[in-house]
C-alpha atoms as a PDB file:
ATOM      1  CA  MET A   1      -0.810 -15.356 -60.861  1.00  0.00           C
ATOM      2  CA  ILE A   2       1.658 -12.830 -59.315  1.00  0.00           C
ATOM      3  CA  ALA A   3      -1.649 -10.372 -58.402  1.00  0.00           C
ATOM      4  CA  MET A   4      -3.238 -13.457 -56.622  1.00  0.00           C
ATOM      5  CA  ILE A   5      -0.132 -14.085 -54.665  1.00  0.00           C
ATOM      6  CA  ARG A   6      -0.081 -10.450 -53.591  1.00  0.00           C
ATOM      7  CA  ALA A   7      -3.336 -10.674 -52.644  1.00  0.00           C
ATOM      8  CA  ARG A   8      -3.169 -13.477 -50.506  1.00  0.00           C
ATOM      9  CA  PHE A   9       0.321 -11.883 -48.965  1.00  0.00           C
ATOM     10  CA  THR A  10      -1.291  -8.675 -48.223  1.00  0.00           C
ATOM     11  CA  ALA A  11      -4.308 -10.378 -46.292  1.00  0.00           C
ATOM     12  CA  LEU A  12      -2.108 -12.964 -44.170  1.00  0.00           C
ATOM     13  CA  THR A  13      -0.334  -9.351 -43.155  1.00  0.00           C
ATOM     14  CA  VAL A  14      -3.193  -7.426 -42.254  1.00  0.00           C
ATOM     15  CA  ALA A  15      -4.836 -10.925 -40.373  1.00  0.00           C
ATOM     16  CA  LEU A  16      -0.825 -10.785 -38.630  1.00  0.00           C
ATOM     17  CA  LEU A  17      -1.251  -7.098 -37.691  1.00  0.00           C
ATOM     18  CA  ALA A  18      -4.548  -7.420 -36.394  1.00  0.00           C
ATOM     19  CA  LEU A  19      -3.528 -10.541 -33.994  1.00  0.00           C
ATOM     20  CA  PRO A  20      -1.930  -8.212 -31.154  1.00  0.00           C
ATOM     21  CA  ALA A  21      -5.405  -6.162 -31.135  1.00  0.00           C
ATOM     22  CA  LEU A  22      -7.455  -9.259 -30.839  1.00  0.00           C
ATOM     23  CA  PHE A  23      -5.513 -10.545 -27.926  1.00  0.00           C
ATOM     24  CA  ALA A  24      -5.962  -7.098 -26.139  1.00  0.00           C
ATOM     25  CA  ALA A  25      -9.391  -7.043 -26.372  1.00  0.00           C
ATOM     26  CA  ARG A  26      -9.523 -10.916 -25.340  1.00  0.00           C
ATOM     27  CA  ALA A  27      -7.604 -10.042 -22.281  1.00  0.00           C
ATOM     28  CA  GLN A  28      -9.837  -6.793 -21.403  1.00  0.00           C
ATOM     29  CA  GLU A  29     -13.277  -9.413 -21.658  1.00  0.00           C
ATOM     30  CA  THR A  30     -11.393 -11.433 -19.479  1.00  0.00           C
ATOM     31  CA  PHE A  31     -12.317  -8.389 -16.512  1.00  0.00           C
ATOM     32  CA  GLY A  32     -14.774  -6.544 -15.172  1.00  0.00           C
ATOM     33  CA  THR A  33     -14.792  -2.988 -14.134  1.00  0.00           C
ATOM     34  CA  LEU A  34     -16.013  -0.963 -11.624  1.00  0.00           C
ATOM     35  CA  ASN A  35     -15.115   3.219 -11.779  1.00  0.00           C
ATOM     36  CA  SER A  36     -15.480   5.762  -8.898  1.00  0.00           C
ATOM     37  CA  ALA A  37     -13.845   9.230  -9.270  1.00  0.00           C
ATOM     38  CA  HIS A  38     -10.934   7.741  -7.689  1.00  0.00           C
ATOM     39  CA  PHE A  39     -10.699   4.078  -8.206  1.00  0.00           C
ATOM     40  CA  GLU A  40     -10.932   1.772 -11.139  1.00  0.00           C
ATOM     41  CA  VAL A  41     -11.713  -1.629  -9.717  1.00  0.00           C
ATOM     42  CA  LYS A  42     -10.895  -4.628 -12.513  1.00  0.00           C
ATOM     43  CA  TYR A  43     -11.917  -7.991 -11.418  1.00  0.00           C
ATOM     44  CA  GLN A  44     -11.785 -11.387 -13.258  1.00  0.00           C
ATOM     45  CA  ARG A  45     -15.168 -12.258 -15.462  1.00  0.00           C
ATOM     46  CA  VAL A  46     -15.224 -15.317 -12.486  1.00  0.00           C
ATOM     47  CA  ILE A  47     -15.862 -12.934  -9.768  1.00  0.00           C
ATOM     48  CA  PRO A  48     -18.865 -12.325  -8.507  1.00  0.00           C
ATOM     49  CA  GLN A  49     -19.986  -8.012  -8.961  1.00  0.00           C
ATOM     50  CA  GLU A  50     -21.012  -8.267  -5.417  1.00  0.00           C
ATOM     51  CA  ASP A  51     -17.534  -9.006  -4.365  1.00  0.00           C
ATOM     52  CA  ALA A  52     -16.514  -6.369  -6.485  1.00  0.00           C
ATOM     53  CA  LYS A  53     -18.733  -3.692  -5.205  1.00  0.00           C
ATOM     54  CA  LYS A  54     -17.668  -5.114  -1.381  1.00  0.00           C
ATOM     55  CA  VAL A  55     -14.154  -4.207  -2.181  1.00  0.00           C
ATOM     56  CA  MET A  56     -15.229  -0.542  -4.316  1.00  0.00           C
ATOM     57  CA  ASP A  57     -17.717   0.434  -1.192  1.00  0.00           C
ATOM     58  CA  PHE A  58     -15.166  -0.322   1.539  1.00  0.00           C
ATOM     59  CA  LEU A  59     -12.439   1.422  -0.671  1.00  0.00           C
ATOM     60  CA  GLN A  60     -14.414   4.449  -1.052  1.00  0.00           C
ATOM     61  CA  ALA A  61     -15.329   4.889   2.532  1.00  0.00           C
ATOM     62  CA  GLU A  62     -11.412   4.135   3.640  1.00  0.00           C
ATOM     63  CA  TYR A  63     -10.200   6.737   1.243  1.00  0.00           C
ATOM     64  CA  LYS A  64     -12.870   9.319   2.496  1.00  0.00           C
ATOM     65  CA  SER A  65     -11.754   8.502   6.232  1.00  0.00           C
ATOM     66  CA  ILE A  66      -7.630   8.230   5.239  1.00  0.00           C
ATOM     67  CA  GLY A  67      -9.032  12.077   3.676  1.00  0.00           C
ATOM     68  CA  ALA A  68     -10.117  13.402   6.671  1.00  0.00           C
ATOM     69  CA  ASP A  69      -7.494  12.216   9.109  1.00  0.00           C
ATOM     70  CA  LEU A  70      -4.302  13.182   6.927  1.00  0.00           C
ATOM     71  CA  GLY A  71      -6.344  16.255   5.786  1.00  0.00           C
ATOM     72  CA  MET A  72      -5.424  15.970   2.310  1.00  0.00           C
ATOM     73  CA  GLU A  73      -6.424  13.962  -1.326  1.00  0.00           C
ATOM     74  CA  PRO A  74      -4.309  12.411  -4.379  1.00  0.00           C
ATOM     75  CA  LYS A  75      -4.721  13.321  -7.341  1.00  0.00           C
ATOM     76  CA  ALA A  76      -3.847  10.348  -9.371  1.00  0.00           C
ATOM     77  CA  LYS A  77      -6.632   7.717  -9.804  1.00  0.00           C
ATOM     78  CA  VAL A  78      -6.002   4.003  -7.900  1.00  0.00           C
ATOM     79  CA  GLU A  79      -6.297   0.995 -10.157  1.00  0.00           C
ATOM     80  CA  VAL A  80      -7.294  -1.785  -7.987  1.00  0.00           C
ATOM     81  CA  ARG A  81      -7.591  -5.701  -9.355  1.00  0.00           C
ATOM     82  CA  ILE A  82      -9.223  -8.427  -8.204  1.00  0.00           C
ATOM     83  CA  TYR A  83      -7.989 -11.846  -8.737  1.00  0.00           C
ATOM     84  CA  GLU A  84      -9.795 -15.250  -9.372  1.00  0.00           C
ATOM     85  CA  SER A  85      -7.455 -17.045  -7.020  1.00  0.00           C
ATOM     86  CA  VAL A  86      -4.290 -16.423  -4.650  1.00  0.00           C
ATOM     87  CA  GLY A  87      -1.957 -18.315  -7.538  1.00  0.00           C
ATOM     88  CA  LYS A  88      -2.542 -15.760  -9.613  1.00  0.00           C
ATOM     89  CA  PHE A  89      -2.246 -12.678  -7.087  1.00  0.00           C
ATOM     90  CA  LEU A  90       0.925 -14.399  -6.201  1.00  0.00           C
ATOM     91  CA  SER A  91       1.963 -14.287 -10.041  1.00  0.00           C
ATOM     92  CA  GLU A  92       1.066 -10.772 -10.510  1.00  0.00           C
ATOM     93  CA  THR A  93       2.561  -9.274  -7.818  1.00  0.00           C
ATOM     94  CA  GLY A  94       6.121 -11.805  -7.587  1.00  0.00           C
ATOM     95  CA  LEU A  95       5.081 -12.090  -4.201  1.00  0.00           C
ATOM     96  CA  LYS A  96       6.428 -15.841  -2.956  1.00  0.00           C
ATOM     97  CA  ARG A  97       3.860 -16.479   0.088  1.00  0.00           C
ATOM     98  CA  PRO A  98       0.293 -15.776   0.186  1.00  0.00           C
ATOM     99  CA  TRP A  99       0.310 -13.913   3.692  1.00  0.00           C
ATOM    100  CA  ARG A 100      -0.598 -10.396   2.172  1.00  0.00           C
ATOM    101  CA  GLY A 101      -4.135 -10.568   1.177  1.00  0.00           C
ATOM    102  CA  ALA A 102      -3.685  -7.077  -0.674  1.00  0.00           C
ATOM    103  CA  PHE A 103      -0.242  -5.184  -2.001  1.00  0.00           C
ATOM    104  CA  TYR A 104       0.323  -1.831  -3.590  1.00  0.00           C
ATOM    105  CA  GLN A 105       2.781  -1.659  -6.481  1.00  0.00           C
ATOM    106  CA  ARG A 106       3.270   0.798  -8.800  1.00  0.00           C
ATOM    107  CA  GLY A 107      -0.146   2.535  -9.196  1.00  0.00           C
ATOM    108  CA  THR A 108      -1.872  -0.455  -8.808  1.00  0.00           C
ATOM    109  CA  LEU A 109      -3.624  -1.994  -5.746  1.00  0.00           C
ATOM    110  CA  HIS A 110      -3.835  -6.145  -6.477  1.00  0.00           C
ATOM    111  CA  LEU A 111      -6.171  -8.049  -4.071  1.00  0.00           C
ATOM    112  CA  GLN A 112      -6.466 -11.993  -3.432  1.00  0.00           C
ATOM    113  CA  PRO A 113     -10.161 -12.750  -3.750  1.00  0.00           C
ATOM    114  CA  VAL A 114     -12.215 -11.778  -1.718  1.00  0.00           C
ATOM    115  CA  SER A 115     -13.565 -14.360  -0.348  1.00  0.00           C
ATOM    116  CA  ALA A 116      -9.929 -15.752   0.708  1.00  0.00           C
ATOM    117  CA  LEU A 117      -9.754 -12.401   2.530  1.00  0.00           C
ATOM    118  CA  VAL A 118     -13.072 -12.756   4.515  1.00  0.00           C
ATOM    119  CA  ALA A 119     -12.278 -16.492   5.650  1.00  0.00           C
ATOM    120  CA  ARG A 120      -9.166 -14.983   7.131  1.00  0.00           C
ATOM    121  CA  LYS A 121     -10.558 -12.352   8.602  1.00  0.00           C
ATOM    122  CA  ILE A 122      -8.196  -9.881   6.930  1.00  0.00           C
ATOM    123  CA  PHE A 123     -10.129  -8.300   4.491  1.00  0.00           C
ATOM    124  CA  GLU A 124     -10.518  -4.978   6.110  1.00  0.00           C
ATOM    125  CA  LYS A 125      -6.741  -4.708   7.408  1.00  0.00           C
ATOM    126  CA  SER A 126      -5.021  -6.211   4.429  1.00  0.00           C
ATOM    127  CA  ILE A 127      -7.340  -3.806   2.277  1.00  0.00           C
ATOM    128  CA  SER A 128      -6.680  -0.634   5.174  1.00  0.00           C
ATOM    129  CA  TYR A 129      -3.077  -1.212   5.196  1.00  0.00           C
ATOM    130  CA  GLU A 130      -1.926  -1.377   1.360  1.00  0.00           C
ATOM    131  CA  LEU A 131      -5.013   2.101   0.771  1.00  0.00           C
ATOM    132  CA  VAL A 132      -2.656   4.148   2.922  1.00  0.00           C
ATOM    133  CA  LEU A 133       0.212   3.470   0.609  1.00  0.00           C
ATOM    134  CA  ALA A 134      -1.508   3.996  -2.515  1.00  0.00           C
ATOM    135  CA  PHE A 135      -3.321   7.234  -0.798  1.00  0.00           C
ATOM    136  CA  LEU A 136       0.662   8.300   0.568  1.00  0.00           C
ATOM    137  CA  ASP A 137       2.430   7.566  -2.766  1.00  0.00           C
ATOM    138  CA  GLU A 138       2.652  10.708  -4.040  1.00  0.00           C
ATOM    139  CA  THR A 139       3.927  11.714  -0.537  1.00  0.00           C
ATOM    140  CA  ALA A 140       6.239   9.488  -1.000  1.00  0.00           C
ATOM    141  CA  GLN A 141       7.523  10.863  -4.419  1.00  0.00           C
ATOM    142  CA  LYS A 142       7.766  13.906  -2.810  1.00  0.00           C
ATOM    143  CA  GLY A 143      10.158  12.777   0.048  1.00  0.00           C
ATOM    144  CA  CYS A 144       8.446  11.286   2.723  1.00  0.00           C
ATOM    145  CA  PRO A 145      10.334   8.009   3.829  1.00  0.00           C
ATOM    146  CA  ARG A 146       8.707   4.571   3.114  1.00  0.00           C
ATOM    147  CA  TRP A 147       9.030   3.898   7.305  1.00  0.00           C
ATOM    148  CA  LEU A 148       6.819   7.061   8.101  1.00  0.00           C
ATOM    149  CA  ALA A 149       4.213   6.166   5.715  1.00  0.00           C
ATOM    150  CA  GLU A 150       4.415   2.280   7.284  1.00  0.00           C
ATOM    151  CA  SER A 151       4.105   3.791  10.256  1.00  0.00           C
ATOM    152  CA  PHE A 152       1.225   5.446   9.720  1.00  0.00           C
ATOM    153  CA  ALA A 153      -0.351   2.505   7.853  1.00  0.00           C
ATOM    154  CA  VAL A 154       0.134   0.442  10.730  1.00  0.00           C
ATOM    155  CA  TYR A 155      -1.484   2.774  13.130  1.00  0.00           C
ATOM    156  CA  TYR A 156      -4.260   3.677  10.736  1.00  0.00           C
ATOM    157  CA  CYS A 157      -5.661   0.036  10.264  1.00  0.00           C
ATOM    158  CA  GLY A 158      -5.788  -1.354  13.976  1.00  0.00           C
ATOM    159  CA  GLU A 159      -2.783  -4.016  13.215  1.00  0.00           C
ATOM    160  CA  MET A 160      -1.240  -4.088  16.533  1.00  0.00           C
ATOM    161  CA  SER A 161      -3.794  -5.063  18.371  1.00  0.00           C
ATOM    162  CA  GLY A 162      -3.297  -8.186  17.948  1.00  0.00           C
ATOM    163  CA  MET A 163       0.487  -8.151  18.052  1.00  0.00           C
ATOM    164  CA  THR A 164       2.704  -8.737  21.047  1.00  0.00           C
ATOM    165  CA  ALA A 165       5.844  -6.594  21.245  1.00  0.00           C
ATOM    166  CA  PRO A 166       9.180  -8.177  20.627  1.00  0.00           C
ATOM    167  CA  VAL A 167      11.614  -8.378  23.151  1.00  0.00           C
ATOM    168  CA  GLY A 168      14.999  -6.217  23.389  1.00  0.00           C
ATOM    169  CA  ALA A 169      14.358  -4.456  20.347  1.00  0.00           C
ATOM    170  CA  ARG A 170      16.858  -1.596  19.661  1.00  0.00           C
ATOM    171  CA  MET A 171      16.616   1.060  17.521  1.00  0.00           C
ATOM    172  CA  SER A 172      18.808   4.155  17.490  1.00  0.00           C
ATOM    173  CA  ALA A 173      17.858   5.757  14.199  1.00  0.00           C
ATOM    174  CA  PHE A 174      14.657   6.267  11.914  1.00  0.00           C
ATOM    175  CA  ALA A 175      16.729   4.915   8.815  1.00  0.00           C
ATOM    176  CA  ASP A 176      16.775   1.827  10.764  1.00  0.00           C
ATOM    177  CA  LEU A 177      13.060   1.390  10.001  1.00  0.00           C
ATOM    178  CA  ASN A 178      13.820   1.397   6.222  1.00  0.00           C
ATOM    179  CA  GLN A 179      16.203  -1.311   6.346  1.00  0.00           C
ATOM    180  CA  ASP A 180      14.414  -3.391   8.402  1.00  0.00           C
ATOM    181  CA  ILE A 181      11.278  -3.249   5.708  1.00  0.00           C
ATOM    182  CA  GLN A 182      13.453  -4.246   3.161  1.00  0.00           C
ATOM    183  CA  GLU A 183      15.145  -6.686   4.982  1.00  0.00           C
ATOM    184  CA  TYR A 184      12.342  -8.550   6.814  1.00  0.00           C
ATOM    185  CA  GLN A 185       9.399  -8.920   4.211  1.00  0.00           C
ATOM    186  CA  ASN A 186       8.102 -11.998   6.109  1.00  0.00           C
ATOM    187  CA  PRO A 187       6.365 -13.066   9.438  1.00  0.00           C
ATOM    188  CA  PRO A 188       7.506 -13.784  12.137  1.00  0.00           C
ATOM    189  CA  GLN A 189       9.748 -11.070  11.984  1.00  0.00           C
ATOM    190  CA  ARG A 190       7.682  -8.802   9.506  1.00  0.00           C
ATOM    191  CA  ASP A 191       5.330  -9.020  12.558  1.00  0.00           C
ATOM    192  CA  ASP A 192       8.088  -7.370  14.531  1.00  0.00           C
ATOM    193  CA  VAL A 193       8.976  -4.535  12.041  1.00  0.00           C
ATOM    194  CA  HIS A 194       5.011  -3.538  12.270  1.00  0.00           C
ATOM    195  CA  TYR A 195       5.043  -3.462  16.130  1.00  0.00           C
ATOM    196  CA  ILE A 196       8.035  -1.195  15.861  1.00  0.00           C
ATOM    197  CA  LEU A 197       6.792   0.935  12.920  1.00  0.00           C
ATOM    198  CA  GLY A 198       3.056   0.977  14.947  1.00  0.00           C
ATOM    199  CA  SER A 199       4.848   1.982  18.060  1.00  0.00           C
ATOM    200  CA  THR A 200       6.588   4.708  16.036  1.00  0.00           C
ATOM    201  CA  MET A 201       3.558   6.539  14.936  1.00  0.00           C
ATOM    202  CA  THR A 202       1.955   5.884  18.417  1.00  0.00           C
ATOM    203  CA  PHE A 203       4.918   7.959  19.843  1.00  0.00           C
ATOM    204  CA  PHE A 204       4.487  11.142  17.136  1.00  0.00           C
ATOM    205  CA  VAL A 205       0.828  11.519  19.111  1.00  0.00           C
ATOM    206  CA  GLN A 206       1.613  10.959  21.746  1.00  0.00           C
ATOM    207  CA  LYS A 207       4.253  13.913  22.324  1.00  0.00           C
ATOM    208  CA  TYR A 208       2.916  16.141  19.822  1.00  0.00           C
ATOM    209  CA  GLY A 209      -0.917  15.066  19.065  1.00  0.00           C
ATOM    210  CA  GLU A 210      -2.685  13.715  16.136  1.00  0.00           C
ATOM    211  CA  ARG A 211      -3.069  17.244  14.676  1.00  0.00           C
ATOM    212  CA  ARG A 212       0.630  17.430  14.432  1.00  0.00           C
ATOM    213  CA  ALA A 213       1.644  13.945  13.700  1.00  0.00           C
ATOM    214  CA  PHE A 214      -0.813  14.192  11.024  1.00  0.00           C
ATOM    215  CA  ARG A 215      -0.367  16.784   9.322  1.00  0.00           C
ATOM    216  CA  VAL A 216       3.410  15.968   8.870  1.00  0.00           C
ATOM    217  CA  TYR A 217       2.826  13.901   5.641  1.00  0.00           C
ATOM    218  CA  ARG A 218       0.980  17.432   3.760  1.00  0.00           C
ATOM    219  CA  GLU A 219       4.511  19.359   4.261  1.00  0.00           C
ATOM    220  CA  PHE A 220       6.619  17.154   1.915  1.00  0.00           C
ATOM    221  CA  ASP A 221       6.814  19.001  -1.668  1.00  0.00           C
ATOM    222  CA  GLY A 222       9.801  17.306  -3.531  1.00  0.00           C
ATOM    223  CA  VAL A 223      12.124  19.972  -2.083  1.00  0.00           C
ATOM    224  CA  THR A 224      12.005  20.047   1.798  1.00  0.00           C
ATOM    225  CA  THR A 225      14.438  17.552   3.211  1.00  0.00           C
ATOM    226  CA  VAL A 226      13.114  15.108   6.042  1.00  0.00           C
ATOM    227  CA  ASP A 227      14.833  17.125   9.274  1.00  0.00           C
ATOM    228  CA  ARG A 228      13.288  20.627   8.037  1.00  0.00           C
ATOM    229  CA  VAL A 229      10.079  19.087   7.585  1.00  0.00           C
ATOM    230  CA  PHE A 230       9.979  17.699  11.022  1.00  0.00           C
ATOM    231  CA  LYS A 231      12.161  20.916  12.015  1.00  0.00           C
ATOM    232  CA  LYS A 232       8.721  22.949  10.873  1.00  0.00           C
ATOM    233  CA  VAL A 233       5.747  20.982  12.043  1.00  0.00           C
ATOM    234  CA  PHE A 234       7.523  19.661  15.447  1.00  0.00           C
ATOM    235  CA  GLU A 235       9.165  22.871  16.219  1.00  0.00           C
ATOM    236  CA  GLU A 236      12.500  20.359  17.189  1.00  0.00           C
ATOM    237  CA  ASP A 237      15.594  19.186  15.928  1.00  0.00           C
ATOM    238  CA  TYR A 238      15.519  15.944  13.849  1.00  0.00           C
ATOM    239  CA  ALA A 239      18.488  14.813  16.161  1.00  0.00           C
ATOM    240  CA  ALA A 240      16.427  15.207  19.612  1.00  0.00           C
ATOM    241  CA  ILE A 241      12.896  13.874  18.260  1.00  0.00           C
ATOM    242  CA  GLU A 242      14.752  10.660  16.774  1.00  0.00           C
ATOM    243  CA  LYS A 243      16.668  10.159  20.538  1.00  0.00           C
ATOM    244  CA  ALA A 244      13.299  10.601  22.346  1.00  0.00           C
ATOM    245  CA  TRP A 245      12.049   8.092  19.870  1.00  0.00           C
ATOM    246  CA  ALA A 246      14.607   5.603  19.870  1.00  0.00           C
ATOM    247  CA  LYS A 247      14.012   5.375  23.945  1.00  0.00           C
ATOM    248  CA  TYR A 248      10.229   5.252  23.798  1.00  0.00           C
ATOM    249  CA  ILE A 249      10.933   1.846  20.794  1.00  0.00           C
ATOM    250  CA  ALA A 250      13.505   0.604  24.187  1.00  0.00           C
ATOM    251  CA  SER A 251      10.719   1.201  26.664  1.00  0.00           C
ATOM    252  CA  ARG A 252       7.985  -0.575  24.729  1.00  0.00           C
ATOM    253  CA  THR A 253      10.085  -3.549  23.840  1.00  0.00           C
ATOM    254  CA  SER A 254      12.243  -4.031  26.860  1.00  0.00           C
ATOM    255  CA  SER A 255      11.670  -7.312  29.004  1.00  0.00           C
ATOM    256  CA  PHE A 256      11.716  -5.135  31.922  1.00  0.00           C
ATOM    257  CA  ARG A 257       8.885  -2.917  32.280  1.00  0.00           C
END
């Protein structure tokens, strides 16, 4: 009798220990996967594989283009997740509103359903923007400021073409941009922030040329400070660059032009 009870207890214990693995296996089964050298695209099974393939093809083309512009290539592989619904996208990212079609967070690029992005005509810009942030993630960990990474993201994806300049914006320090990025998470204020960020990249390109403006991202090494990186690349003091930038932003947003 005791032996029978022990046998049943052992069997029950084994079954309970197997449950986490079973649930994990079932969770994995809900996602299909496409792999490349730089991406692992996971998509919920209800999503057509051709949608996942469309995302993968676009990502690879954009990755190559961004790399050619910046003259660099990250070491880390990016995980991409495509969700079956906007609600699932919001719950997984923690976002409150669905205005962002894509969102890069802690090594993972989250995407709303491809059909939703295409219907809203934001497929290319949404993915391009967040892919730049994924591409520059390692650079950010080496000291590249968030505002500098997002300035290139806005510039690269062409987001400014449909934006109207905010009137009377006054910026005195690059650090103000980081504050605005954190403070204004949603449109319409977010559109104003992106306009300033895109204008910031335009300032660097117009003043120093694309070669130097894009080279700056390669110079962050985790040791050199931002002001020294700027001095090395642009051959001007950080304070002088900041002052010229503030004047440029004021000219772009003034009500009298």
